[in-house]
Amino acid sequence: MFDRILVPLDGSEHSHRALETAIQIAKKFDSKVALLHVYSIAVMPVIVPEPTTVTPAGVPVATSAEVSRMVDAARDAGKEILTDGEQKVRAQGIEGETALREGNSVQEIVKMTKEGQFDLIVMGVRGSHKIREILMGSVSEGVIKNTHCPVLVVK
């Protein structure tokens, strides 16, 4: 019934509970589990070669090196989240894989679901960025509206 299960992880408590639920489902159906982390730099600062006196007051200024460090930090945090999740999956004897992507969470989850021909998505009801969810809508809601397969949302 559920040969391939996708579990988006963001490090939140809800995503940890979603992973535990996906592991239980995978055991019952002998499913493979894929873990996905999508990272992005939500608010990109204005990049200028050097701060100048013509830079408007209050505009954040960052060098390309600073932006690069922020992206690297987000990517490294994502790798750590996936490594932790992969260890939990493998400890239960479940075959799994991981994917790390940059971009919009909803778009990347939906895209991976289509590419990987998943039968089920198990995800947390709320992620680690509560303010962004209030302003932009929840990731789980966006995935439910835009994917072709069942979505189990875990509280």
N, C-alpha and C. Protein backbone atom coordinates (compact mmCIF):
# COMPACT_ATOMS: atom_id res chain seq x y z
N MET A 1 0.82 -1.19 0.00
CA MET A 1 0.00 0.00 0.00
C MET A 1 0.86 1.26 0.00
N PHE A 2 1.82 1.32 0.90
CA PHE A 2 2.73 2.46 0.98
C PHE A 2 4.16 1.96 0.79
N ASP A 3 4.59 1.88 -0.47
CA ASP A 3 5.93 1.39 -0.75
C ASP A 3 6.99 2.44 -0.45
N ARG A 4 6.67 3.70 -0.75
CA ARG A 4 7.64 4.78 -0.55
C ARG A 4 7.00 5.92 0.22
N ILE A 5 7.63 6.27 1.33
CA ILE A 5 7.11 7.32 2.22
C ILE A 5 8.12 8.46 2.26
N LEU A 6 7.63 9.67 2.07
CA LEU A 6 8.46 10.86 2.15
C LEU A 6 8.19 11.56 3.48
N VAL A 7 9.27 11.90 4.19
CA VAL A 7 9.15 12.59 5.46
C VAL A 7 9.98 13.87 5.41
N PRO A 8 9.33 15.02 5.24
CA PRO A 8 10.06 16.29 5.32
C PRO A 8 10.42 16.59 6.77
N LEU A 9 11.67 16.92 7.01
CA LEU A 9 12.14 17.21 8.37
C LEU A 9 12.69 18.63 8.44
N ASP A 10 12.35 19.31 9.53
CA ASP A 10 12.91 20.66 9.73
C ASP A 10 13.53 20.83 11.11
N GLY A 11 13.59 19.75 11.86
CA GLY A 11 14.18 19.81 13.19
C GLY A 11 13.21 20.15 14.30
N SER A 12 11.97 20.46 13.96
CA SER A 12 10.97 20.80 14.97
C SER A 12 10.47 19.53 15.68
N GLU A 13 9.84 19.73 16.81
CA GLU A 13 9.26 18.61 17.55
C GLU A 13 8.18 17.92 16.72
N HIS A 14 7.41 18.68 15.97
CA HIS A 14 6.36 18.09 15.13
C HIS A 14 6.97 17.19 14.05
N SER A 15 8.09 17.60 13.46
CA SER A 15 8.70 16.76 12.43
C SER A 15 9.32 15.50 13.05
N HIS A 16 9.81 15.59 14.29
CA HIS A 16 10.31 14.40 14.97
C HIS A 16 9.18 13.39 15.19
N ARG A 17 8.02 13.90 15.60
CA ARG A 17 6.87 13.00 15.79
C ARG A 17 6.40 12.41 14.45
N ALA A 18 6.48 13.21 13.40
CA ALA A 18 6.11 12.70 12.07
C ALA A 18 7.05 11.57 11.66
N LEU A 19 8.34 11.72 11.94
CA LEU A 19 9.30 10.66 11.61
C LEU A 19 8.98 9.39 12.38
N GLU A 20 8.69 9.52 13.66
CA GLU A 20 8.34 8.33 14.45
C GLU A 20 7.10 7.63 13.89
N THR A 21 6.12 8.41 13.47
CA THR A 21 4.92 7.84 12.87
C THR A 21 5.25 7.15 11.55
N ALA A 22 6.07 7.80 10.72
CA ALA A 22 6.46 7.21 9.44
C ALA A 22 7.22 5.90 9.64
N ILE A 23 8.05 5.84 10.66
CA ILE A 23 8.79 4.61 10.96
C ILE A 23 7.82 3.48 11.30
N GLN A 24 6.81 3.77 12.10
CA GLN A 24 5.83 2.74 12.46
C GLN A 24 5.05 2.25 11.23
N ILE A 25 4.68 3.18 10.35
CA ILE A 25 3.98 2.81 9.11
C ILE A 25 4.90 1.98 8.23
N ALA A 26 6.15 2.39 8.11
CA ALA A 26 7.11 1.68 7.27
C ALA A 26 7.32 0.25 7.76
N LYS A 27 7.34 0.06 9.06
CA LYS A 27 7.48 -1.29 9.62
C LYS A 27 6.30 -2.17 9.22
N LYS A 28 5.11 -1.62 9.31
CA LYS A 28 3.90 -2.39 9.01
C LYS A 28 3.78 -2.75 7.54
N PHE A 29 4.22 -1.84 6.66
CA PHE A 29 4.05 -2.04 5.22
C PHE A 29 5.35 -2.37 4.49
N ASP A 30 6.43 -2.57 5.24
CA ASP A 30 7.74 -2.85 4.65
C ASP A 30 8.09 -1.77 3.60
N SER A 31 7.94 -0.53 4.02
CA SER A 31 8.13 0.62 3.14
C SER A 31 9.56 1.14 3.21
N LYS A 32 9.93 1.86 2.17
CA LYS A 32 11.17 2.63 2.16
C LYS A 32 10.83 4.05 2.58
N VAL A 33 11.74 4.68 3.30
CA VAL A 33 11.50 6.04 3.80
C VAL A 33 12.56 6.98 3.24
N ALA A 34 12.09 8.08 2.69
CA ALA A 34 13.00 9.13 2.22
C ALA A 34 12.82 10.35 3.11
N LEU A 35 13.93 10.89 3.57
CA LEU A 35 13.91 12.08 4.42
C LEU A 35 14.35 13.27 3.58
N LEU A 36 13.64 14.36 3.72
CA LEU A 36 13.92 15.58 2.96
C LEU A 36 14.04 16.76 3.90
N HIS A 37 15.07 17.55 3.70
CA HIS A 37 15.18 18.84 4.39
C HIS A 37 15.34 19.91 3.33
N VAL A 38 14.51 20.95 3.44
CA VAL A 38 14.59 22.08 2.53
C VAL A 38 15.05 23.28 3.34
N TYR A 39 16.13 23.90 2.90
CA TYR A 39 16.63 25.09 3.60
C TYR A 39 16.54 26.28 2.67
N SER A 40 16.42 27.43 3.28
CA SER A 40 16.43 28.67 2.52
C SER A 40 16.80 29.80 3.46
N ILE A 41 17.29 30.84 2.88
CA ILE A 41 17.54 32.05 3.64
C ILE A 41 16.31 32.92 3.38
N ALA A 42 15.44 32.99 4.38
CA ALA A 42 14.12 33.60 4.22
C ALA A 42 14.20 35.07 3.85
N VAL A 43 15.05 35.80 4.47
CA VAL A 43 15.16 37.23 4.21
C VAL A 43 16.58 37.50 3.73
N MET A 44 16.71 37.74 2.46
CA MET A 44 18.04 38.00 1.92
C MET A 44 18.38 39.47 2.10
N PRO A 45 19.52 39.75 2.67
CA PRO A 45 19.92 41.15 2.82
C PRO A 45 20.35 41.74 1.49
N VAL A 46 20.39 43.07 1.43
CA VAL A 46 20.88 43.74 0.25
C VAL A 46 22.38 43.52 0.19
N ILE A 47 22.87 43.13 -0.96
CA ILE A 47 24.29 42.87 -1.11
C ILE A 47 24.91 44.02 -1.89
N VAL A 48 25.89 44.62 -1.31
CA VAL A 48 26.64 45.68 -1.99
C VAL A 48 28.12 45.37 -1.82
N PRO A 49 28.95 45.79 -2.78
CA PRO A 49 30.37 45.48 -2.66
C PRO A 49 30.99 46.01 -1.37
N GLU A 50 30.65 47.23 -1.00
CA GLU A 50 31.14 47.84 0.24
C GLU A 50 30.04 48.74 0.78
N PRO A 51 29.89 48.80 2.09
CA PRO A 51 28.94 49.76 2.64
C PRO A 51 29.37 51.18 2.23
N THR A 52 28.40 51.96 1.86
CA THR A 52 28.70 53.32 1.42
C THR A 52 27.82 54.30 2.16
N THR A 53 28.12 55.55 1.99
CA THR A 53 27.30 56.59 2.62
C THR A 53 25.97 56.76 1.89
N VAL A 54 25.85 56.17 0.68
CA VAL A 54 24.59 56.29 -0.04
C VAL A 54 23.62 55.16 0.28
N THR A 55 24.07 54.21 1.09
CA THR A 55 23.18 53.13 1.50
C THR A 55 22.12 53.71 2.42
N PRO A 56 20.83 53.50 2.09
CA PRO A 56 19.77 54.06 2.94
C PRO A 56 19.85 53.54 4.37
N ALA A 57 19.53 54.39 5.30
CA ALA A 57 19.54 54.01 6.71
C ALA A 57 18.54 52.90 6.95
N GLY A 58 18.92 51.95 7.77
CA GLY A 58 18.01 50.86 8.12
C GLY A 58 18.04 49.69 7.15
N VAL A 59 18.73 49.82 6.02
CA VAL A 59 18.81 48.72 5.06
C VAL A 59 19.96 47.81 5.48
N PRO A 60 19.66 46.52 5.71
CA PRO A 60 20.74 45.62 6.12
C PRO A 60 21.72 45.45 4.96
N VAL A 61 22.97 45.48 5.28
CA VAL A 61 24.01 45.34 4.27
C VAL A 61 24.84 44.12 4.62
N ALA A 62 25.07 43.27 3.65
CA ALA A 62 25.89 42.08 3.88
C ALA A 62 26.79 41.88 2.67
N THR A 63 27.96 41.43 2.93
CA THR A 63 28.87 41.11 1.84
C THR A 63 28.49 39.74 1.28
N SER A 64 28.97 39.44 0.11
CA SER A 64 28.67 38.13 -0.47
C SER A 64 29.26 37.02 0.40
N ALA A 65 30.38 37.29 1.07
CA ALA A 65 30.96 36.29 1.98
C ALA A 65 30.04 36.00 3.15
N GLU A 66 29.40 37.04 3.69
CA GLU A 66 28.46 36.85 4.81
C GLU A 66 27.24 36.05 4.36
N VAL A 67 26.74 36.36 3.18
CA VAL A 67 25.59 35.61 2.65
C VAL A 67 26.00 34.16 2.44
N SER A 68 27.18 33.95 1.89
CA SER A 68 27.67 32.59 1.67
C SER A 68 27.76 31.82 2.99
N ARG A 69 28.22 32.48 4.05
CA ARG A 69 28.30 31.83 5.37
C ARG A 69 26.91 31.47 5.89
N MET A 70 25.93 32.35 5.66
CA MET A 70 24.55 32.05 6.10
C MET A 70 24.00 30.84 5.36
N VAL A 71 24.23 30.77 4.07
CA VAL A 71 23.77 29.63 3.27
C VAL A 71 24.47 28.35 3.74
N ASP A 72 25.78 28.43 3.96
CA ASP A 72 26.53 27.27 4.44
C ASP A 72 26.00 26.79 5.79
N ALA A 73 25.71 27.73 6.68
CA ALA A 73 25.18 27.38 8.00
C ALA A 73 23.82 26.70 7.88
N ALA A 74 22.96 27.21 7.01
CA ALA A 74 21.64 26.60 6.80
C ALA A 74 21.79 25.20 6.22
N ARG A 75 22.69 25.04 5.26
CA ARG A 75 22.93 23.73 4.65
C ARG A 75 23.49 22.75 5.68
N ASP A 76 24.44 23.21 6.50
CA ASP A 76 25.03 22.33 7.52
C ASP A 76 24.00 21.90 8.56
N ALA A 77 23.12 22.83 8.95
CA ALA A 77 22.05 22.48 9.89
C ALA A 77 21.12 21.44 9.28
N GLY A 78 20.83 21.59 8.00
CA GLY A 78 19.99 20.62 7.30
C GLY A 78 20.62 19.25 7.24
N LYS A 79 21.93 19.21 6.98
CA LYS A 79 22.64 17.93 6.95
C LYS A 79 22.57 17.23 8.31
N GLU A 80 22.70 18.02 9.37
CA GLU A 80 22.64 17.45 10.72
C GLU A 80 21.25 16.88 11.01
N ILE A 81 20.22 17.60 10.62
CA ILE A 81 18.84 17.12 10.81
C ILE A 81 18.64 15.80 10.07
N LEU A 82 19.12 15.73 8.82
CA LEU A 82 18.96 14.52 8.02
C LEU A 82 19.76 13.35 8.59
N THR A 83 20.97 13.62 9.06
CA THR A 83 21.79 12.57 9.64
C THR A 83 21.12 11.96 10.87
N ASP A 84 20.56 12.82 11.72
CA ASP A 84 19.85 12.35 12.90
C ASP A 84 18.65 11.50 12.50
N GLY A 85 17.88 11.97 11.53
CA GLY A 85 16.71 11.21 11.07
C GLY A 85 17.09 9.89 10.44
N GLU A 86 18.15 9.91 9.64
CA GLU A 86 18.60 8.69 8.97
C GLU A 86 19.04 7.64 10.00
N GLN A 87 19.70 8.07 11.06
CA GLN A 87 20.12 7.14 12.11
C GLN A 87 18.90 6.48 12.76
N LYS A 88 17.85 7.26 12.99
CA LYS A 88 16.63 6.70 13.60
C LYS A 88 15.98 5.68 12.68
N VAL A 89 15.95 5.98 11.39
CA VAL A 89 15.33 5.07 10.42
C VAL A 89 16.13 3.77 10.33
N ARG A 90 17.42 3.88 10.17
CA ARG A 90 18.28 2.69 10.02
C ARG A 90 18.31 1.85 11.30
N ALA A 91 18.20 2.50 12.46
CA ALA A 91 18.17 1.76 13.73
C ALA A 91 16.96 0.83 13.81
N GLN A 92 15.92 1.15 13.06
CA GLN A 92 14.72 0.31 13.03
C GLN A 92 14.74 -0.70 11.89
N GLY A 93 15.87 -0.75 11.16
CA GLY A 93 16.01 -1.71 10.07
C GLY A 93 15.24 -1.34 8.82
N ILE A 94 14.98 -0.07 8.65
CA ILE A 94 14.20 0.40 7.50
C ILE A 94 15.15 0.99 6.46
N GLU A 95 14.90 0.64 5.21
CA GLU A 95 15.70 1.18 4.12
C GLU A 95 15.31 2.64 3.90
N GLY A 96 16.31 3.50 3.75
CA GLY A 96 16.00 4.91 3.59
C GLY A 96 17.01 5.64 2.74
N GLU A 97 16.67 6.89 2.47
CA GLU A 97 17.54 7.78 1.72
C GLU A 97 17.30 9.20 2.22
N THR A 98 18.21 10.09 1.90
CA THR A 98 18.05 11.48 2.32
C THR A 98 18.23 12.40 1.12
N ALA A 99 17.62 13.57 1.22
CA ALA A 99 17.77 14.60 0.20
C ALA A 99 17.80 15.96 0.89
N LEU A 100 18.71 16.80 0.44
CA LEU A 100 18.86 18.15 0.96
C LEU A 100 18.67 19.09 -0.22
N ARG A 101 17.70 19.99 -0.09
CA ARG A 101 17.40 20.91 -1.19
C ARG A 101 17.29 22.34 -0.68
N GLU A 102 17.59 23.26 -1.56
CA GLU A 102 17.44 24.68 -1.24
C GLU A 102 16.25 25.21 -2.01
N GLY A 103 15.44 26.04 -1.34
CA GLY A 103 14.30 26.66 -2.03
C GLY A 103 13.09 26.78 -1.15
N ASN A 104 11.95 26.89 -1.79
CA ASN A 104 10.67 26.99 -1.12
C ASN A 104 10.24 25.61 -0.65
N SER A 105 9.92 25.48 0.62
CA SER A 105 9.60 24.16 1.19
C SER A 105 8.47 23.46 0.46
N VAL A 106 7.36 24.15 0.26
CA VAL A 106 6.20 23.52 -0.40
C VAL A 106 6.58 23.06 -1.80
N GLN A 107 7.19 23.93 -2.56
CA GLN A 107 7.54 23.57 -3.94
C GLN A 107 8.50 22.39 -4.00
N GLU A 108 9.49 22.38 -3.12
CA GLU A 108 10.48 21.30 -3.14
C GLU A 108 9.88 19.97 -2.67
N ILE A 109 9.00 20.00 -1.68
CA ILE A 109 8.35 18.77 -1.23
C ILE A 109 7.47 18.20 -2.33
N VAL A 110 6.67 19.04 -2.95
CA VAL A 110 5.78 18.60 -4.03
C VAL A 110 6.61 18.07 -5.21
N LYS A 111 7.67 18.77 -5.55
CA LYS A 111 8.54 18.35 -6.65
C LYS A 111 9.16 16.98 -6.36
N MET A 112 9.66 16.79 -5.15
CA MET A 112 10.27 15.50 -4.81
C MET A 112 9.24 14.38 -4.80
N THR A 113 8.03 14.70 -4.36
CA THR A 113 6.97 13.70 -4.35
C THR A 113 6.70 13.19 -5.76
N LYS A 114 6.67 14.10 -6.71
CA LYS A 114 6.44 13.70 -8.11
C LYS A 114 7.63 12.92 -8.66
N GLU A 115 8.83 13.41 -8.42
CA GLU A 115 10.04 12.77 -8.94
C GLU A 115 10.22 11.36 -8.37
N GLY A 116 9.95 11.20 -7.08
CA GLY A 116 10.20 9.93 -6.42
C GLY A 116 9.03 8.98 -6.41
N GLN A 117 7.92 9.39 -6.96
CA GLN A 117 6.71 8.57 -7.00
C GLN A 117 6.38 8.00 -5.62
N PHE A 118 6.22 8.91 -4.68
CA PHE A 118 5.91 8.51 -3.31
C PHE A 118 4.43 8.19 -3.17
N ASP A 119 4.15 7.27 -2.26
CA ASP A 119 2.77 6.85 -1.99
C ASP A 119 2.16 7.59 -0.82
N LEU A 120 3.01 8.20 0.02
CA LEU A 120 2.53 8.86 1.23
C LEU A 120 3.56 9.89 1.67
N ILE A 121 3.07 11.01 2.16
CA ILE A 121 3.91 12.01 2.82
C ILE A 121 3.48 12.05 4.27
N VAL A 122 4.44 11.95 5.19
CA VAL A 122 4.15 12.08 6.61
C VAL A 122 4.94 13.30 7.09
N MET A 123 4.22 14.30 7.58
CA MET A 123 4.89 15.53 7.98
C MET A 123 4.26 16.14 9.21
N GLY A 124 5.02 16.99 9.87
CA GLY A 124 4.53 17.67 11.06
C GLY A 124 3.54 18.77 10.70
N VAL A 125 2.64 19.03 11.63
CA VAL A 125 1.61 20.04 11.41
C VAL A 125 2.20 21.45 11.41
N ARG A 126 3.26 21.62 12.15
CA ARG A 126 3.85 22.96 12.26
C ARG A 126 5.36 22.80 12.26
N GLY A 127 6.02 23.72 11.59
CA GLY A 127 7.47 23.66 11.49
C GLY A 127 8.17 24.52 12.51
N SER A 128 9.43 24.73 12.27
CA SER A 128 10.24 25.49 13.22
C SER A 128 10.17 26.99 13.02
N HIS A 129 9.52 27.44 11.94
CA HIS A 129 9.44 28.87 11.65
C HIS A 129 8.00 29.36 11.79
N LYS A 130 7.54 29.51 13.03
CA LYS A 130 6.15 29.85 13.29
C LYS A 130 5.75 31.22 12.73
N ILE A 131 6.64 32.20 12.81
CA ILE A 131 6.31 33.54 12.31
C ILE A 131 6.12 33.50 10.80
N ARG A 132 7.01 32.79 10.10
CA ARG A 132 6.88 32.69 8.65
C ARG A 132 5.56 32.00 8.28
N GLU A 133 5.17 30.97 9.06
CA GLU A 133 3.91 30.29 8.78
C GLU A 133 2.72 31.22 8.92
N ILE A 134 2.74 32.07 9.92
CA ILE A 134 1.64 33.02 10.13
C ILE A 134 1.54 33.97 8.93
N LEU A 135 2.67 34.42 8.45
CA LEU A 135 2.67 35.38 7.35
C LEU A 135 2.42 34.74 5.99
N MET A 136 2.93 33.53 5.78
CA MET A 136 2.89 32.94 4.45
C MET A 136 2.02 31.70 4.34
N GLY A 137 1.45 31.23 5.41
CA GLY A 137 0.66 30.01 5.38
C GLY A 137 1.53 28.81 5.73
N SER A 138 0.91 27.75 6.16
CA SER A 138 1.69 26.60 6.62
C SER A 138 2.18 25.76 5.44
N VAL A 139 3.31 25.13 5.66
CA VAL A 139 3.88 24.24 4.65
C VAL A 139 2.95 23.05 4.45
N SER A 140 2.46 22.48 5.55
CA SER A 140 1.59 21.30 5.41
C SER A 140 0.34 21.62 4.58
N GLU A 141 -0.23 22.79 4.78
CA GLU A 141 -1.40 23.19 3.98
C GLU A 141 -1.04 23.30 2.50
N GLY A 142 0.10 23.90 2.20
CA GLY A 142 0.54 24.02 0.81
C GLY A 142 0.80 22.68 0.16
N VAL A 143 1.37 21.76 0.91
CA VAL A 143 1.64 20.43 0.37
C VAL A 143 0.33 19.69 0.10
N ILE A 144 -0.58 19.75 1.05
CA ILE A 144 -1.88 19.07 0.88
C ILE A 144 -2.58 19.57 -0.38
N LYS A 145 -2.54 20.86 -0.62
CA LYS A 145 -3.22 21.45 -1.77
C LYS A 145 -2.56 21.11 -3.11
N ASN A 146 -1.27 20.80 -3.09
CA ASN A 146 -0.54 20.70 -4.36
C ASN A 146 0.07 19.34 -4.68
N THR A 147 -0.18 18.34 -3.86
CA THR A 147 0.43 17.04 -4.14
C THR A 147 -0.61 16.04 -4.61
N HIS A 148 -0.11 14.98 -5.22
CA HIS A 148 -0.98 13.96 -5.79
C HIS A 148 -1.23 12.78 -4.85
N CYS A 149 -0.47 12.68 -3.78
CA CYS A 149 -0.58 11.50 -2.91
C CYS A 149 -1.14 11.90 -1.53
N PRO A 150 -1.54 10.91 -0.76
CA PRO A 150 -2.05 11.20 0.59
C PRO A 150 -0.99 11.86 1.45
N VAL A 151 -1.44 12.74 2.34
CA VAL A 151 -0.55 13.42 3.28
C VAL A 151 -1.09 13.18 4.69
N LEU A 152 -0.25 12.61 5.53
CA LEU A 152 -0.59 12.41 6.92
C LEU A 152 0.11 13.52 7.71
N VAL A 153 -0.67 14.37 8.35
CA VAL A 153 -0.13 15.49 9.12
C VAL A 153 -0.18 15.10 10.58
N VAL A 154 0.98 15.14 11.24
CA VAL A 154 1.12 14.68 12.61
C VAL A 154 1.26 15.87 13.55
N LYS A 155 0.49 15.85 14.64
CA LYS A 155 0.60 16.91 15.66
C LYS A 155 1.64 16.54 16.68
